Each structure stands twice: as structure tokens, then as C-alpha cells.
Amino acid sequence: MLTEIITNVAIMAAIVIVAAELLTKLTKVGGFWAQFQSWAVSVVVALLASYLGLGIFPTFSFLAVVLYGFGIGLVANGVFDIPLTKTILEWLRARVAEL
């Protein structure tokens, strides 16, 4: 199941990157709004996959699909970089804060 989740998230992130880039060319936005647009695209793509019964999404609730969509948007935007990941792990107390 874990392999299937990782595979689905990676494939959806690739789809979101292409779709968001095309949409950004049409709307000509940049910065935060381009990122926000990408997150919206990722949620819509996840909801569409759930509706069509694709991948892991049909087994999840509506809220879970939206959260996965948001997570896919974070992956597609490159937000999961090392400093952010360390901070999240420190919040979860899975990593000791560096002094």
C-alpha cells in the first residue's frame, strides 16, 4: 500500500507540474499566486482522480482526497525542501532541534 501511495503521489505531482505550468502561461501570474494556482490544480486533479476511480483516491474520504491534493501541490512546488522537513520533524518531536 505504501508503494502505491508513493507512486500515485509522484505521478500526480508530475501531472500537476505540467498542468500548472500551462495554466500559469495562460493566466500570466507569478510568485505566490502561481504557487496558489498550482495548489488549486493539485486539489482539482486529486478530486478528478477520485471521481474517475483512478489510483488510490477512490478509497479515501473527500477530506482525505483534498489533503492529498494539497500535499501533492506541496511536492509539485518543491516546498518539501530540507529546512522545512527538519522543522516539521522537530514539531512532531521526531527530530531533536539543533542548537
N, C-alpha and C. Protein backbone atom coordinates (compact mmCIF):
# COMPACT_ATOMS: atom_id res chain seq x y z
N MET A 1 0.83 -1.20 0.00
CA MET A 1 0.00 0.00 0.00
C MET A 1 0.87 1.27 0.00
N LEU A 2 1.96 1.25 0.78
CA LEU A 2 2.84 2.42 0.84
C LEU A 2 3.47 2.71 -0.52
N THR A 3 3.89 1.67 -1.21
CA THR A 3 4.48 1.85 -2.53
C THR A 3 3.46 2.45 -3.49
N GLU A 4 2.22 1.99 -3.39
CA GLU A 4 1.15 2.50 -4.25
C GLU A 4 0.89 3.99 -3.97
N ILE A 5 0.91 4.38 -2.69
CA ILE A 5 0.69 5.78 -2.33
C ILE A 5 1.82 6.65 -2.87
N ILE A 6 3.05 6.21 -2.67
CA ILE A 6 4.20 6.99 -3.16
C ILE A 6 4.17 7.12 -4.67
N THR A 7 3.85 6.03 -5.36
CA THR A 7 3.77 6.05 -6.82
C THR A 7 2.69 7.00 -7.30
N ASN A 8 1.50 6.95 -6.67
CA ASN A 8 0.40 7.82 -7.06
C ASN A 8 0.74 9.28 -6.81
N VAL A 9 1.35 9.59 -5.68
CA VAL A 9 1.72 10.98 -5.38
C VAL A 9 2.75 11.48 -6.38
N ALA A 10 3.73 10.65 -6.72
CA ALA A 10 4.77 11.07 -7.69
C ALA A 10 4.16 11.31 -9.07
N ILE A 11 3.30 10.42 -9.51
CA ILE A 11 2.67 10.59 -10.83
C ILE A 11 1.79 11.84 -10.84
N MET A 12 1.00 12.02 -9.78
CA MET A 12 0.11 13.19 -9.72
C MET A 12 0.92 14.48 -9.65
N ALA A 13 2.04 14.47 -8.94
CA ALA A 13 2.88 15.67 -8.88
C ALA A 13 3.41 16.03 -10.26
N ALA A 14 3.80 15.03 -11.03
CA ALA A 14 4.27 15.30 -12.39
C ALA A 14 3.16 15.88 -13.25
N ILE A 15 1.95 15.34 -13.12
CA ILE A 15 0.81 15.87 -13.88
C ILE A 15 0.52 17.30 -13.46
N VAL A 16 0.57 17.57 -12.16
CA VAL A 16 0.28 18.92 -11.64
C VAL A 16 1.32 19.92 -12.13
N ILE A 17 2.58 19.53 -12.17
CA ILE A 17 3.63 20.44 -12.64
C ILE A 17 3.34 20.88 -14.07
N VAL A 18 3.00 19.94 -14.93
CA VAL A 18 2.73 20.27 -16.33
C VAL A 18 1.45 21.11 -16.45
N ALA A 19 0.37 20.68 -15.78
CA ALA A 19 -0.90 21.39 -15.87
C ALA A 19 -0.80 22.80 -15.28
N ALA A 20 -0.12 22.94 -14.15
CA ALA A 20 0.02 24.25 -13.53
C ALA A 20 0.87 25.18 -14.38
N GLU A 21 1.90 24.63 -15.01
CA GLU A 21 2.75 25.46 -15.88
C GLU A 21 1.95 25.97 -17.07
N LEU A 22 1.15 25.11 -17.66
CA LEU A 22 0.31 25.55 -18.78
C LEU A 22 -0.70 26.60 -18.35
N LEU A 23 -1.29 26.41 -17.17
CA LEU A 23 -2.25 27.38 -16.65
C LEU A 23 -1.57 28.70 -16.32
N THR A 24 -0.36 28.64 -15.79
CA THR A 24 0.37 29.86 -15.46
C THR A 24 0.71 30.65 -16.72
N LYS A 25 1.01 29.97 -17.81
CA LYS A 25 1.26 30.66 -19.08
C LYS A 25 0.00 31.38 -19.57
N LEU A 26 -1.15 30.76 -19.33
CA LEU A 26 -2.40 31.39 -19.75
C LEU A 26 -2.77 32.58 -18.86
N THR A 27 -2.61 32.43 -17.56
CA THR A 27 -3.03 33.48 -16.63
C THR A 27 -1.95 34.53 -16.39
N LYS A 28 -0.70 34.20 -16.70
CA LYS A 28 0.43 35.12 -16.56
C LYS A 28 0.59 35.65 -15.13
N VAL A 29 0.40 34.77 -14.13
CA VAL A 29 0.63 35.16 -12.75
C VAL A 29 2.00 34.65 -12.33
N GLY A 30 2.51 35.20 -11.25
CA GLY A 30 3.81 34.78 -10.75
C GLY A 30 3.83 34.80 -9.24
N GLY A 31 4.94 34.32 -8.67
CA GLY A 31 5.13 34.35 -7.23
C GLY A 31 4.13 33.50 -6.48
N PHE A 32 3.58 34.09 -5.40
CA PHE A 32 2.65 33.37 -4.55
C PHE A 32 1.42 32.91 -5.32
N TRP A 33 0.90 33.73 -6.23
CA TRP A 33 -0.32 33.38 -6.95
C TRP A 33 -0.10 32.19 -7.87
N ALA A 34 1.10 32.07 -8.43
CA ALA A 34 1.41 30.90 -9.26
C ALA A 34 1.44 29.64 -8.39
N GLN A 35 2.00 29.77 -7.18
CA GLN A 35 2.02 28.65 -6.26
C GLN A 35 0.61 28.28 -5.82
N PHE A 36 -0.18 29.26 -5.48
CA PHE A 36 -1.57 29.03 -5.07
C PHE A 36 -2.35 28.35 -6.19
N GLN A 37 -2.13 28.81 -7.40
CA GLN A 37 -2.78 28.22 -8.58
C GLN A 37 -2.37 26.76 -8.73
N SER A 38 -1.11 26.45 -8.47
CA SER A 38 -0.63 25.08 -8.55
C SER A 38 -1.29 24.21 -7.48
N TRP A 39 -1.45 24.76 -6.27
CA TRP A 39 -2.13 24.00 -5.22
C TRP A 39 -3.58 23.73 -5.60
N ALA A 40 -4.23 24.71 -6.17
CA ALA A 40 -5.62 24.53 -6.60
C ALA A 40 -5.71 23.46 -7.69
N VAL A 41 -4.77 23.50 -8.64
CA VAL A 41 -4.74 22.49 -9.69
C VAL A 41 -4.53 21.10 -9.09
N SER A 42 -3.66 20.99 -8.10
CA SER A 42 -3.39 19.68 -7.50
C SER A 42 -4.61 19.13 -6.79
N VAL A 43 -5.37 19.98 -6.11
CA VAL A 43 -6.58 19.51 -5.44
C VAL A 43 -7.62 19.09 -6.47
N VAL A 44 -7.76 19.87 -7.53
CA VAL A 44 -8.72 19.52 -8.59
C VAL A 44 -8.33 18.21 -9.26
N VAL A 45 -7.05 18.01 -9.51
CA VAL A 45 -6.59 16.76 -10.14
C VAL A 45 -6.86 15.58 -9.21
N ALA A 46 -6.62 15.74 -7.91
CA ALA A 46 -6.89 14.66 -6.96
C ALA A 46 -8.38 14.35 -6.89
N LEU A 47 -9.21 15.40 -6.88
CA LEU A 47 -10.66 15.18 -6.86
C LEU A 47 -11.14 14.51 -8.14
N LEU A 48 -10.56 14.90 -9.26
CA LEU A 48 -10.91 14.28 -10.54
C LEU A 48 -10.51 12.80 -10.54
N ALA A 49 -9.32 12.50 -10.03
CA ALA A 49 -8.88 11.10 -9.95
C ALA A 49 -9.80 10.29 -9.05
N SER A 50 -10.26 10.89 -7.96
CA SER A 50 -11.19 10.21 -7.07
C SER A 50 -12.52 9.96 -7.77
N TYR A 51 -13.01 10.97 -8.46
CA TYR A 51 -14.28 10.85 -9.18
C TYR A 51 -14.23 9.77 -10.27
N LEU A 52 -13.09 9.72 -10.97
CA LEU A 52 -12.93 8.74 -12.05
C LEU A 52 -12.52 7.36 -11.56
N GLY A 53 -12.24 7.24 -10.26
CA GLY A 53 -11.85 5.95 -9.70
C GLY A 53 -10.43 5.54 -10.02
N LEU A 54 -9.54 6.51 -10.14
CA LEU A 54 -8.15 6.23 -10.51
C LEU A 54 -7.26 6.14 -9.28
N GLY A 55 -6.33 5.21 -9.31
CA GLY A 55 -5.31 5.11 -8.27
C GLY A 55 -5.87 4.83 -6.89
N ILE A 56 -5.27 5.47 -5.91
CA ILE A 56 -5.63 5.26 -4.51
C ILE A 56 -6.80 6.12 -4.07
N PHE A 57 -7.16 7.10 -4.84
CA PHE A 57 -8.10 8.13 -4.39
C PHE A 57 -9.54 7.66 -4.15
N PRO A 58 -10.06 6.68 -4.88
CA PRO A 58 -11.46 6.28 -4.62
C PRO A 58 -11.68 5.69 -3.23
N THR A 59 -10.62 5.20 -2.60
CA THR A 59 -10.75 4.59 -1.28
C THR A 59 -10.74 5.61 -0.15
N PHE A 60 -10.43 6.86 -0.46
CA PHE A 60 -10.33 7.89 0.58
C PHE A 60 -11.59 8.73 0.67
N SER A 61 -11.79 9.35 1.83
CA SER A 61 -12.90 10.28 2.01
C SER A 61 -12.60 11.58 1.26
N PHE A 62 -13.63 12.42 1.14
CA PHE A 62 -13.47 13.70 0.45
C PHE A 62 -12.36 14.53 1.09
N LEU A 63 -12.36 14.61 2.43
CA LEU A 63 -11.35 15.40 3.13
C LEU A 63 -9.95 14.84 2.88
N ALA A 64 -9.82 13.52 2.90
CA ALA A 64 -8.51 12.91 2.67
C ALA A 64 -8.02 13.20 1.24
N VAL A 65 -8.92 13.17 0.28
CA VAL A 65 -8.54 13.47 -1.11
C VAL A 65 -8.07 14.91 -1.22
N VAL A 66 -8.78 15.84 -0.57
CA VAL A 66 -8.37 17.25 -0.59
C VAL A 66 -7.00 17.42 0.06
N LEU A 67 -6.78 16.75 1.20
CA LEU A 67 -5.48 16.84 1.87
C LEU A 67 -4.36 16.23 1.03
N TYR A 68 -4.63 15.09 0.39
CA TYR A 68 -3.65 14.50 -0.51
C TYR A 68 -3.37 15.45 -1.67
N GLY A 69 -4.41 16.08 -2.19
CA GLY A 69 -4.23 17.06 -3.27
C GLY A 69 -3.34 18.21 -2.83
N PHE A 70 -3.57 18.70 -1.63
CA PHE A 70 -2.72 19.78 -1.11
C PHE A 70 -1.28 19.30 -0.95
N GLY A 71 -1.11 18.09 -0.43
CA GLY A 71 0.24 17.53 -0.29
C GLY A 71 0.93 17.35 -1.63
N ILE A 72 0.18 16.91 -2.62
CA ILE A 72 0.74 16.77 -3.97
C ILE A 72 1.17 18.14 -4.49
N GLY A 73 0.38 19.16 -4.19
CA GLY A 73 0.75 20.52 -4.58
C GLY A 73 2.04 20.97 -3.92
N LEU A 74 2.22 20.60 -2.66
CA LEU A 74 3.47 20.93 -1.97
C LEU A 74 4.65 20.23 -2.62
N VAL A 75 4.48 18.97 -2.96
CA VAL A 75 5.55 18.23 -3.63
C VAL A 75 5.84 18.85 -4.99
N ALA A 76 4.79 19.17 -5.74
CA ALA A 76 4.96 19.74 -7.08
C ALA A 76 5.65 21.10 -7.04
N ASN A 77 5.40 21.87 -5.99
CA ASN A 77 6.01 23.19 -5.87
C ASN A 77 7.39 23.14 -5.23
N GLY A 78 7.83 21.98 -4.83
CA GLY A 78 9.16 21.87 -4.22
C GLY A 78 9.22 22.44 -2.82
N VAL A 79 8.10 22.46 -2.12
CA VAL A 79 8.07 23.02 -0.77
C VAL A 79 8.73 22.09 0.23
N PHE A 80 8.73 20.80 -0.06
CA PHE A 80 9.34 19.85 0.86
C PHE A 80 10.86 19.84 0.68
N ASP A 81 11.48 20.95 1.04
CA ASP A 81 12.93 21.00 0.98
C ASP A 81 13.48 20.65 2.37
N ILE A 82 14.76 20.57 2.49
CA ILE A 82 15.39 20.09 3.72
C ILE A 82 15.05 20.97 4.94
N PRO A 83 15.16 22.30 4.90
CA PRO A 83 14.84 23.08 6.10
C PRO A 83 13.40 22.92 6.56
N LEU A 84 12.46 22.89 5.63
CA LEU A 84 11.06 22.72 6.01
C LEU A 84 10.83 21.33 6.61
N THR A 85 11.43 20.32 6.01
CA THR A 85 11.28 18.95 6.51
C THR A 85 11.85 18.83 7.92
N LYS A 86 13.01 19.44 8.18
CA LYS A 86 13.59 19.42 9.53
C LYS A 86 12.66 20.10 10.53
N THR A 87 12.07 21.23 10.14
CA THR A 87 11.16 21.95 11.03
C THR A 87 9.94 21.10 11.37
N ILE A 88 9.36 20.46 10.35
CA ILE A 88 8.19 19.61 10.59
C ILE A 88 8.54 18.45 11.51
N LEU A 89 9.68 17.83 11.29
CA LEU A 89 10.11 16.73 12.15
C LEU A 89 10.35 17.20 13.58
N GLU A 90 10.85 18.41 13.75
CA GLU A 90 11.03 18.96 15.09
C GLU A 90 9.69 19.22 15.76
N TRP A 91 8.72 19.72 15.00
CA TRP A 91 7.37 19.94 15.55
C TRP A 91 6.75 18.63 16.02
N LEU A 92 6.98 17.58 15.24
CA LEU A 92 6.43 16.26 15.58
C LEU A 92 7.27 15.54 16.63
N ARG A 93 8.33 16.19 17.06
CA ARG A 93 9.27 15.64 18.04
C ARG A 93 9.91 14.33 17.55
N ALA A 94 10.02 14.22 16.25
CA ALA A 94 10.68 13.05 15.65
C ALA A 94 12.17 13.35 15.42
N ARG A 95 12.54 14.59 15.64
CA ARG A 95 13.94 15.01 15.46
C ARG A 95 14.25 16.03 16.53
N VAL A 96 15.44 15.94 17.11
CA VAL A 96 15.86 16.88 18.13
C VAL A 96 16.34 18.16 17.45
N ALA A 97 15.88 19.31 17.95
CA ALA A 97 16.26 20.61 17.38
C ALA A 97 17.76 20.82 17.55
N GLU A 98 18.37 21.38 16.50
CA GLU A 98 19.80 21.68 16.56
C GLU A 98 20.00 23.00 17.28
N LEU A 99 21.02 23.06 18.09
CA LEU A 99 21.31 24.30 18.83
C LEU A 99 22.26 25.17 18.11
